[in-house]
Amino acid sequence: MIFTEKQIKFFETFGFIVLRGLMKPDEMELMTKESEDIMRELRGDKDFDGKTRQAVQPFFERRPFLHSLLGDDRINDIGEELCGPDFVLDGTEGNLHVGDTQWHGPYGAWEPLRWIKIGFYTESLKRDTGCLRFVPGSHIIGDPDYYEILRDNPQDPETFRPFGVKASEVPCYPVECEPGDVIVFVETLLHASFGGRAGRHQHAISFFQKPKTEQQINHVKQMYAQSTYSLK
């Protein structure tokens, strides 16, 4: 088992868990190199302009080491323990971020199935330099949903004042991380980042539990019909 009973309880309660040092330094160097190769190739060998986020899906399938992680026991054990032994790969993604990422998290429509994201960061990130932030427990969506105002990206981030404060001042848990740390969270958990440099790497693998009920199967069919990059 990759998780202890207490870690599972932590994940169930707060919606995330951090696996410190799961990846080795040489693996992170290779991840960085392959990621930069992919991004540059898709830019037509041009430099990153730092103005617009570059997002690629699918991503890990494009290079040997990244692709090998989809069969790595360390990664698959996460899927098995959190989504069940017959978990499904949703998709992979690679990102070069620019500026802040506003608070977001899907609405209750995602609730029929557990959907998790396994995030990799290739540099040291702190609270005010772009590390991932969570509102712990916000993956459990109540009725009413007191966090509803945060679940959609605001149209005007500059003037957005949820609960009367700036988005960056919303009470949260900042997951400060180092290369090699892996962050796992439920997709419905509210998350954001602020203060990061342009061009910071964030890559991820997403799993979901195998649909079994009619409601779950219909939900996946609906997601498949709407998606252009996942479940493919």
C-alpha atoms as a PDB file:
ATOM      1  CA  MET A   1       0.000   0.000   0.000  1.00  0.00           C
ATOM      2  CA  ILE A   2       1.171   3.516  -0.804  1.00  0.00           C
ATOM      3  CA  PHE A   3      -1.160   5.128   1.756  1.00  0.00           C
ATOM      4  CA  THR A   4      -1.674   4.498   5.454  1.00  0.00           C
ATOM      5  CA  GLU A   5      -5.162   4.360   6.937  1.00  0.00           C
ATOM      6  CA  LYS A   6      -4.664   7.850   8.376  1.00  0.00           C
ATOM      7  CA  GLN A   7      -3.573   9.213   4.994  1.00  0.00           C
ATOM      8  CA  ILE A   8      -6.714   7.804   3.379  1.00  0.00           C
ATOM      9  CA  LYS A   9      -8.798   9.465   6.093  1.00  0.00           C
ATOM     10  CA  PHE A  10      -6.968  12.743   5.471  1.00  0.00           C
ATOM     11  CA  PHE A  11      -7.681  12.476   1.739  1.00  0.00           C
ATOM     12  CA  GLU A  12     -11.352  11.650   2.263  1.00  0.00           C
ATOM     13  CA  THR A  13     -11.788  14.554   4.677  1.00  0.00           C
ATOM     14  CA  PHE A  14      -9.776  17.320   3.036  1.00  0.00           C
ATOM     15  CA  GLY A  15      -9.763  16.186  -0.617  1.00  0.00           C
ATOM     16  CA  PHE A  16      -6.010  16.081  -1.232  1.00  0.00           C
ATOM     17  CA  ILE A  17      -2.746  14.531  -0.123  1.00  0.00           C
ATOM     18  CA  VAL A  18       0.916  15.321  -0.800  1.00  0.00           C
ATOM     19  CA  LEU A  19       3.480  12.587  -1.452  1.00  0.00           C
ATOM     20  CA  ARG A  20       6.806  14.194  -0.640  1.00  0.00           C
ATOM     21  CA  GLY A  21       9.789  13.029  -2.679  1.00  0.00           C
ATOM     22  CA  LEU A  22       7.886  10.344  -4.590  1.00  0.00           C
ATOM     23  CA  MET A  23       9.907  11.131  -7.713  1.00  0.00           C
ATOM     24  CA  LYS A  24      13.718  11.026  -7.725  1.00  0.00           C
ATOM     25  CA  PRO A  25      15.861  14.053  -8.711  1.00  0.00           C
ATOM     26  CA  ASP A  26      17.099  12.408 -11.922  1.00  0.00           C
ATOM     27  CA  GLU A  27      13.508  11.566 -12.856  1.00  0.00           C
ATOM     28  CA  MET A  28      12.469  15.180 -12.391  1.00  0.00           C
ATOM     29  CA  GLU A  29      15.358  16.325 -14.579  1.00  0.00           C
ATOM     30  CA  LEU A  30      14.201  13.942 -17.296  1.00  0.00           C
ATOM     31  CA  MET A  31      10.581  15.052 -16.881  1.00  0.00           C
ATOM     32  CA  THR A  32      11.660  18.667 -17.291  1.00  0.00           C
ATOM     33  CA  LYS A  33      13.724  17.910 -20.401  1.00  0.00           C
ATOM     34  CA  GLU A  34      11.031  15.844 -22.107  1.00  0.00           C
ATOM     35  CA  SER A  35       8.361  18.392 -21.197  1.00  0.00           C
ATOM     36  CA  GLU A  36      10.357  21.274 -22.613  1.00  0.00           C
ATOM     37  CA  ASP A  37      11.059  19.252 -25.770  1.00  0.00           C
ATOM     38  CA  ILE A  38       7.340  18.609 -26.269  1.00  0.00           C
ATOM     39  CA  MET A  39       6.357  22.216 -25.685  1.00  0.00           C
ATOM     40  CA  ARG A  40       9.045  23.596 -28.009  1.00  0.00           C
ATOM     41  CA  GLU A  41       8.189  21.061 -30.706  1.00  0.00           C
ATOM     42  CA  LEU A  42       4.526  22.081 -30.607  1.00  0.00           C
ATOM     43  CA  ARG A  43       5.501  25.760 -30.788  1.00  0.00           C
ATOM     44  CA  GLY A  44       7.340  25.061 -34.021  1.00  0.00           C
ATOM     45  CA  ASP A  45      10.743  25.381 -32.306  1.00  0.00           C
ATOM     46  CA  LYS A  46       9.944  28.937 -31.188  1.00  0.00           C
ATOM     47  CA  ASP A  47      10.716  30.358 -27.743  1.00  0.00           C
ATOM     48  CA  PHE A  48       7.885  30.563 -25.209  1.00  0.00           C
ATOM     49  CA  ASP A  49       6.578  34.140 -25.271  1.00  0.00           C
ATOM     50  CA  GLY A  50       5.392  34.150 -21.661  1.00  0.00           C
ATOM     51  CA  LYS A  51       2.111  35.810 -22.634  1.00  0.00           C
ATOM     52  CA  THR A  52      -0.270  32.917 -23.174  1.00  0.00           C
ATOM     53  CA  ARG A  53      -0.509  29.647 -21.277  1.00  0.00           C
ATOM     54  CA  GLN A  54       0.565  26.641 -23.327  1.00  0.00           C
ATOM     55  CA  ALA A  55      -1.606  23.606 -22.610  1.00  0.00           C
ATOM     56  CA  VAL A  56      -1.151  20.198 -24.231  1.00  0.00           C
ATOM     57  CA  GLN A  57      -3.465  17.173 -24.028  1.00  0.00           C
ATOM     58  CA  PRO A  58      -2.609  14.324 -24.276  1.00  0.00           C
ATOM     59  CA  PHE A  59       0.891  14.955 -22.960  1.00  0.00           C
ATOM     60  CA  PHE A  60       2.660  12.085 -21.210  1.00  0.00           C
ATOM     61  CA  GLU A  61       2.183   9.811 -24.209  1.00  0.00           C
ATOM     62  CA  ARG A  62       4.533  11.960 -26.319  1.00  0.00           C
ATOM     63  CA  ARG A  63       7.899  10.981 -24.768  1.00  0.00           C
ATOM     64  CA  PRO A  64       9.386   7.708 -23.417  1.00  0.00           C
ATOM     65  CA  PHE A  65       9.965   8.584 -19.759  1.00  0.00           C
ATOM     66  CA  LEU A  66       6.717  10.482 -19.348  1.00  0.00           C
ATOM     67  CA  HIS A  67       4.871   7.629 -21.041  1.00  0.00           C
ATOM     68  CA  SER A  68       6.493   5.107 -18.700  1.00  0.00           C
ATOM     69  CA  LEU A  69       4.846   6.813 -15.725  1.00  0.00           C
ATOM     70  CA  LEU A  70       1.461   5.575 -16.942  1.00  0.00           C
ATOM     71  CA  GLY A  71       2.684   2.052 -16.152  1.00  0.00           C
ATOM     72  CA  ASP A  72       4.646   2.979 -13.026  1.00  0.00           C
ATOM     73  CA  ASP A  73       3.489   1.185  -9.869  1.00  0.00           C
ATOM     74  CA  ARG A  74       3.948   4.346  -7.811  1.00  0.00           C
ATOM     75  CA  ILE A  75       1.399   6.133  -9.966  1.00  0.00           C
ATOM     76  CA  ASN A  76      -0.964   3.237 -10.553  1.00  0.00           C
ATOM     77  CA  ASP A  77      -1.047   2.416  -6.839  1.00  0.00           C
ATOM     78  CA  ILE A  78      -2.463   5.894  -6.270  1.00  0.00           C
ATOM     79  CA  GLY A  79      -5.247   5.207  -8.749  1.00  0.00           C
ATOM     80  CA  GLU A  80      -5.981   1.782  -7.310  1.00  0.00           C
ATOM     81  CA  GLU A  81      -6.117   2.879  -3.686  1.00  0.00           C
ATOM     82  CA  LEU A  82      -8.187   6.018  -4.272  1.00  0.00           C
ATOM     83  CA  CYS A  83     -10.403   4.975  -7.211  1.00  0.00           C
ATOM     84  CA  GLY A  84     -10.511   1.184  -6.924  1.00  0.00           C
ATOM     85  CA  PRO A  85      -8.626  -1.662  -8.644  1.00  0.00           C
ATOM     86  CA  ASP A  86     -10.386  -1.133 -11.981  1.00  0.00           C
ATOM     87  CA  PHE A  87      -9.741   2.615 -12.222  1.00  0.00           C
ATOM     88  CA  VAL A  88      -9.746   4.313 -15.639  1.00  0.00           C
ATOM     89  CA  LEU A  89      -7.230   6.722 -17.190  1.00  0.00           C
ATOM     90  CA  ASP A  90      -9.048   9.944 -18.052  1.00  0.00           C
ATOM     91  CA  GLY A  91      -6.122  11.686 -19.705  1.00  0.00           C
ATOM     92  CA  THR A  92      -2.780  13.438 -19.322  1.00  0.00           C
ATOM     93  CA  GLU A  93      -1.883  17.099 -19.600  1.00  0.00           C
ATOM     94  CA  GLY A  94       1.101  19.423 -19.719  1.00  0.00           C
ATOM     95  CA  ASN A  95       1.039  23.142 -18.961  1.00  0.00           C
ATOM     96  CA  LEU A  96       3.305  26.150 -19.066  1.00  0.00           C
ATOM     97  CA  HIS A  97       1.382  28.598 -16.905  1.00  0.00           C
ATOM     98  CA  VAL A  98       1.225  32.367 -17.188  1.00  0.00           C
ATOM     99  CA  GLY A  99      -0.012  34.557 -14.337  1.00  0.00           C
ATOM    100  CA  ASP A 100      -2.517  33.541 -11.693  1.00  0.00           C
ATOM    101  CA  THR A 101      -4.863  30.583 -11.892  1.00  0.00           C
ATOM    102  CA  GLN A 102      -8.175  31.653 -10.384  1.00  0.00           C
ATOM    103  CA  TRP A 103     -10.244  29.533  -8.016  1.00  0.00           C
ATOM    104  CA  HIS A 104     -12.121  26.809  -9.820  1.00  0.00           C
ATOM    105  CA  GLY A 105     -13.616  23.381  -9.310  1.00  0.00           C
ATOM    106  CA  PRO A 106     -16.424  21.553 -11.101  1.00  0.00           C
ATOM    107  CA  TYR A 107     -19.963  21.652  -9.807  1.00  0.00           C
ATOM    108  CA  GLY A 108     -21.905  18.753  -8.346  1.00  0.00           C
ATOM    109  CA  ALA A 109     -22.313  17.151 -11.769  1.00  0.00           C
ATOM    110  CA  TRP A 110     -18.962  15.477 -11.135  1.00  0.00           C
ATOM    111  CA  GLU A 111     -20.130  13.816  -7.939  1.00  0.00           C
ATOM    112  CA  PRO A 112     -21.361  10.463  -9.308  1.00  0.00           C
ATOM    113  CA  LEU A 113     -17.739   9.342  -9.804  1.00  0.00           C
ATOM    114  CA  ARG A 114     -14.483  10.009  -8.005  1.00  0.00           C
ATOM    115  CA  TRP A 115     -12.136  11.867 -10.350  1.00  0.00           C
ATOM    116  CA  ILE A 116      -8.582  12.499  -9.144  1.00  0.00           C
ATOM    117  CA  LYS A 117      -5.673  14.478 -10.519  1.00  0.00           C
ATOM    118  CA  ILE A 118      -2.018  13.604  -9.860  1.00  0.00           C
ATOM    119  CA  GLY A 119       0.063  16.753 -10.234  1.00  0.00           C
ATOM    120  CA  PHE A 120       3.794  17.140 -10.914  1.00  0.00           C
ATOM    121  CA  TYR A 121       5.770  20.379 -10.515  1.00  0.00           C
ATOM    122  CA  THR A 122       9.333  20.718 -11.764  1.00  0.00           C
ATOM    123  CA  GLU A 123      10.434  23.640  -9.589  1.00  0.00           C
ATOM    124  CA  SER A 124      10.236  24.850  -5.996  1.00  0.00           C
ATOM    125  CA  LEU A 125       6.958  26.719  -5.437  1.00  0.00           C
ATOM    126  CA  LYS A 126       5.861  28.724  -2.407  1.00  0.00           C
ATOM    127  CA  ARG A 127       2.622  30.396  -1.370  1.00  0.00           C
ATOM    128  CA  ASP A 128       3.319  33.577  -3.321  1.00  0.00           C
ATOM    129  CA  THR A 129       5.270  32.065  -6.214  1.00  0.00           C
ATOM    130  CA  GLY A 130       2.562  29.908  -7.755  1.00  0.00           C
ATOM    131  CA  CYS A 131       2.141  26.854  -5.541  1.00  0.00           C
ATOM    132  CA  LEU A 132      -1.210  25.095  -5.632  1.00  0.00           C
ATOM    133  CA  ARG A 133      -3.738  26.278  -3.045  1.00  0.00           C
ATOM    134  CA  PHE A 134      -6.761  24.352  -1.800  1.00  0.00           C
ATOM    135  CA  VAL A 135      -9.885  25.120   0.177  1.00  0.00           C
ATOM    136  CA  PRO A 136      -9.759  21.940   2.298  1.00  0.00           C
ATOM    137  CA  GLY A 137     -12.990  19.946   2.316  1.00  0.00           C
ATOM    138  CA  SER A 138     -14.603  21.916  -0.527  1.00  0.00           C
ATOM    139  CA  HIS A 139     -14.849  18.722  -2.595  1.00  0.00           C
ATOM    140  CA  ILE A 140     -17.823  17.777  -0.408  1.00  0.00           C
ATOM    141  CA  ILE A 141     -20.498  19.889  -2.052  1.00  0.00           C
ATOM    142  CA  GLY A 142     -23.362  20.818   0.246  1.00  0.00           C
ATOM    143  CA  ASP A 143     -26.847  22.133  -0.416  1.00  0.00           C
ATOM    144  CA  PRO A 144     -26.597  25.065  -0.440  1.00  0.00           C
ATOM    145  CA  ASP A 145     -23.066  25.163  -1.811  1.00  0.00           C
ATOM    146  CA  TYR A 146     -21.361  27.909   0.186  1.00  0.00           C
ATOM    147  CA  TYR A 147     -18.388  27.874  -2.189  1.00  0.00           C
ATOM    148  CA  GLU A 148     -20.418  28.229  -5.383  1.00  0.00           C
ATOM    149  CA  ILE A 149     -19.007  31.694  -6.089  1.00  0.00           C
ATOM    150  CA  LEU A 150     -15.508  30.177  -6.397  1.00  0.00           C
ATOM    151  CA  ARG A 151     -16.304  27.256  -8.697  1.00  0.00           C
ATOM    152  CA  ASP A 152     -16.268  29.219 -11.952  1.00  0.00           C
ATOM    153  CA  ASN A 153     -13.361  31.280 -13.259  1.00  0.00           C
ATOM    154  CA  PRO A 154     -14.383  34.952 -12.816  1.00  0.00           C
ATOM    155  CA  GLN A 155     -14.876  37.035 -15.950  1.00  0.00           C
ATOM    156  CA  ASP A 156     -12.901  39.924 -14.434  1.00  0.00           C
ATOM    157  CA  PRO A 157     -10.271  38.638 -11.978  1.00  0.00           C
ATOM    158  CA  GLU A 158      -9.085  42.191 -11.230  1.00  0.00           C
ATOM    159  CA  THR A 159     -12.408  43.228  -9.688  1.00  0.00           C
ATOM    160  CA  PHE A 160     -13.539  39.810  -8.405  1.00  0.00           C
ATOM    161  CA  ARG A 161     -14.120  39.988  -4.644  1.00  0.00           C
ATOM    162  CA  PRO A 162     -15.542  36.698  -3.347  1.00  0.00           C
ATOM    163  CA  PHE A 163     -16.687  37.093   0.255  1.00  0.00           C
ATOM    164  CA  GLY A 164     -15.508  40.712   0.099  1.00  0.00           C
ATOM    165  CA  VAL A 165     -11.797  39.894  -0.281  1.00  0.00           C
ATOM    166  CA  LYS A 166      -9.365  39.408  -3.159  1.00  0.00           C
ATOM    167  CA  ALA A 167      -9.240  35.891  -4.577  1.00  0.00           C
ATOM    168  CA  SER A 168      -5.658  35.574  -3.339  1.00  0.00           C
ATOM    169  CA  GLU A 169      -6.857  36.352   0.207  1.00  0.00           C
ATOM    170  CA  VAL A 170      -9.477  33.599   0.428  1.00  0.00           C
ATOM    171  CA  PRO A 171      -8.592  31.363   3.422  1.00  0.00           C
ATOM    172  CA  CYS A 172      -6.838  28.296   2.066  1.00  0.00           C
ATOM    173  CA  TYR A 173      -4.060  25.724   2.438  1.00  0.00           C
ATOM    174  CA  PRO A 174      -1.026  26.488   0.215  1.00  0.00           C
ATOM    175  CA  VAL A 175       0.790  23.311  -0.834  1.00  0.00           C
ATOM    176  CA  GLU A 176       4.375  24.526  -1.001  1.00  0.00           C
ATOM    177  CA  CYS A 177       6.381  21.934  -2.899  1.00  0.00           C
ATOM    178  CA  GLU A 178       9.780  20.894  -4.207  1.00  0.00           C
ATOM    179  CA  PRO A 179      10.630  18.972  -7.404  1.00  0.00           C
ATOM    180  CA  GLY A 180       9.762  15.331  -6.787  1.00  0.00           C
ATOM    181  CA  ASP A 181       6.715  16.021  -4.635  1.00  0.00           C
ATOM    182  CA  VAL A 182       3.455  14.712  -6.075  1.00  0.00           C
ATOM    183  CA  ILE A 183       0.123  16.343  -5.234  1.00  0.00           C
ATOM    184  CA  VAL A 184      -3.046  14.263  -5.492  1.00  0.00           C
ATOM    185  CA  PHE A 185      -6.493  15.814  -5.234  1.00  0.00           C
ATOM    186  CA  VAL A 186     -10.154  15.298  -6.043  1.00  0.00           C
ATOM    187  CA  GLU A 187     -11.216  17.288  -9.095  1.00  0.00           C
ATOM    188  CA  THR A 188     -14.149  18.910  -7.260  1.00  0.00           C
ATOM    189  CA  LEU A 189     -11.771  20.393  -4.658  1.00  0.00           C
ATOM    190  CA  LEU A 190     -11.443  24.146  -5.107  1.00  0.00           C
ATOM    191  CA  HIS A 191      -7.927  25.021  -6.208  1.00  0.00           C
ATOM    192  CA  ALA A 192      -5.960  28.030  -7.458  1.00  0.00           C
ATOM    193  CA  SER A 193      -2.469  29.546  -7.593  1.00  0.00           C
ATOM    194  CA  PHE A 194      -1.185  33.095  -7.346  1.00  0.00           C
ATOM    195  CA  GLY A 195       2.090  34.910  -7.944  1.00  0.00           C
ATOM    196  CA  GLY A 196       3.799  32.347 -10.153  1.00  0.00           C
ATOM    197  CA  ARG A 197       6.305  33.192 -12.863  1.00  0.00           C
ATOM    198  CA  ALA A 198       5.407  32.890 -16.524  1.00  0.00           C
ATOM    199  CA  GLY A 199       6.446  29.528 -17.939  1.00  0.00           C
ATOM    200  CA  ARG A 200       6.213  27.431 -14.788  1.00  0.00           C
ATOM    201  CA  HIS A 201       5.578  23.749 -15.454  1.00  0.00           C
ATOM    202  CA  GLN A 202       2.538  21.880 -14.169  1.00  0.00           C
ATOM    203  CA  HIS A 203       1.787  18.431 -15.552  1.00  0.00           C
ATOM    204  CA  ALA A 204      -0.823  15.912 -14.506  1.00  0.00           C
ATOM    205  CA  ILE A 205      -2.352  12.469 -14.904  1.00  0.00           C
ATOM    206  CA  SER A 206      -6.068  12.056 -14.192  1.00  0.00           C
ATOM    207  CA  PHE A 207      -7.875   8.873 -13.147  1.00  0.00           C
ATOM    208  CA  PHE A 208     -11.482   8.110 -12.305  1.00  0.00           C
ATOM    209  CA  GLN A 209     -13.265   5.167 -10.759  1.00  0.00           C
ATOM    210  CA  LYS A 210     -14.855   2.644 -13.095  1.00  0.00           C
ATOM    211  CA  PRO A 211     -18.517   3.535 -13.656  1.00  0.00           C
ATOM    212  CA  LYS A 212     -20.864   0.807 -12.474  1.00  0.00           C
ATOM    213  CA  THR A 213     -24.292   2.309 -11.825  1.00  0.00           C
ATOM    214  CA  GLU A 214     -26.563   3.587 -14.590  1.00  0.00           C
ATOM    215  CA  GLN A 215     -26.096   7.128 -13.290  1.00  0.00           C
ATOM    216  CA  GLN A 216     -22.313   6.803 -13.423  1.00  0.00           C
ATOM    217  CA  ILE A 217     -22.315   5.276 -16.907  1.00  0.00           C
ATOM    218  CA  ASN A 218     -24.580   8.016 -18.250  1.00  0.00           C
ATOM    219  CA  HIS A 219     -22.348  10.619 -16.642  1.00  0.00           C
ATOM    220  CA  VAL A 220     -19.263   9.276 -18.438  1.00  0.00           C
ATOM    221  CA  LYS A 221     -21.153   9.116 -21.746  1.00  0.00           C
ATOM    222  CA  GLN A 222     -22.120  12.754 -21.314  1.00  0.00           C
ATOM    223  CA  MET A 223     -18.534  13.712 -20.485  1.00  0.00           C
ATOM    224  CA  TYR A 224     -17.275  11.784 -23.529  1.00  0.00           C
ATOM    225  CA  ALA A 225     -19.716  13.546 -25.845  1.00  0.00           C
ATOM    226  CA  GLN A 226     -18.583  16.967 -24.617  1.00  0.00           C
ATOM    227  CA  SER A 227     -14.849  16.317 -24.385  1.00  0.00           C
ATOM    228  CA  THR A 228     -12.267  17.062 -27.043  1.00  0.00           C
ATOM    229  CA  TYR A 229      -9.206  15.746 -25.193  1.00  0.00           C
ATOM    230  CA  SER A 230     -10.065  13.286 -22.410  1.00  0.00           C
ATOM    231  CA  LEU A 231     -11.692   9.851 -22.308  1.00  0.00           C
ATOM    232  CA  LYS A 232     -10.261   9.303 -25.788  1.00  0.00           C
END
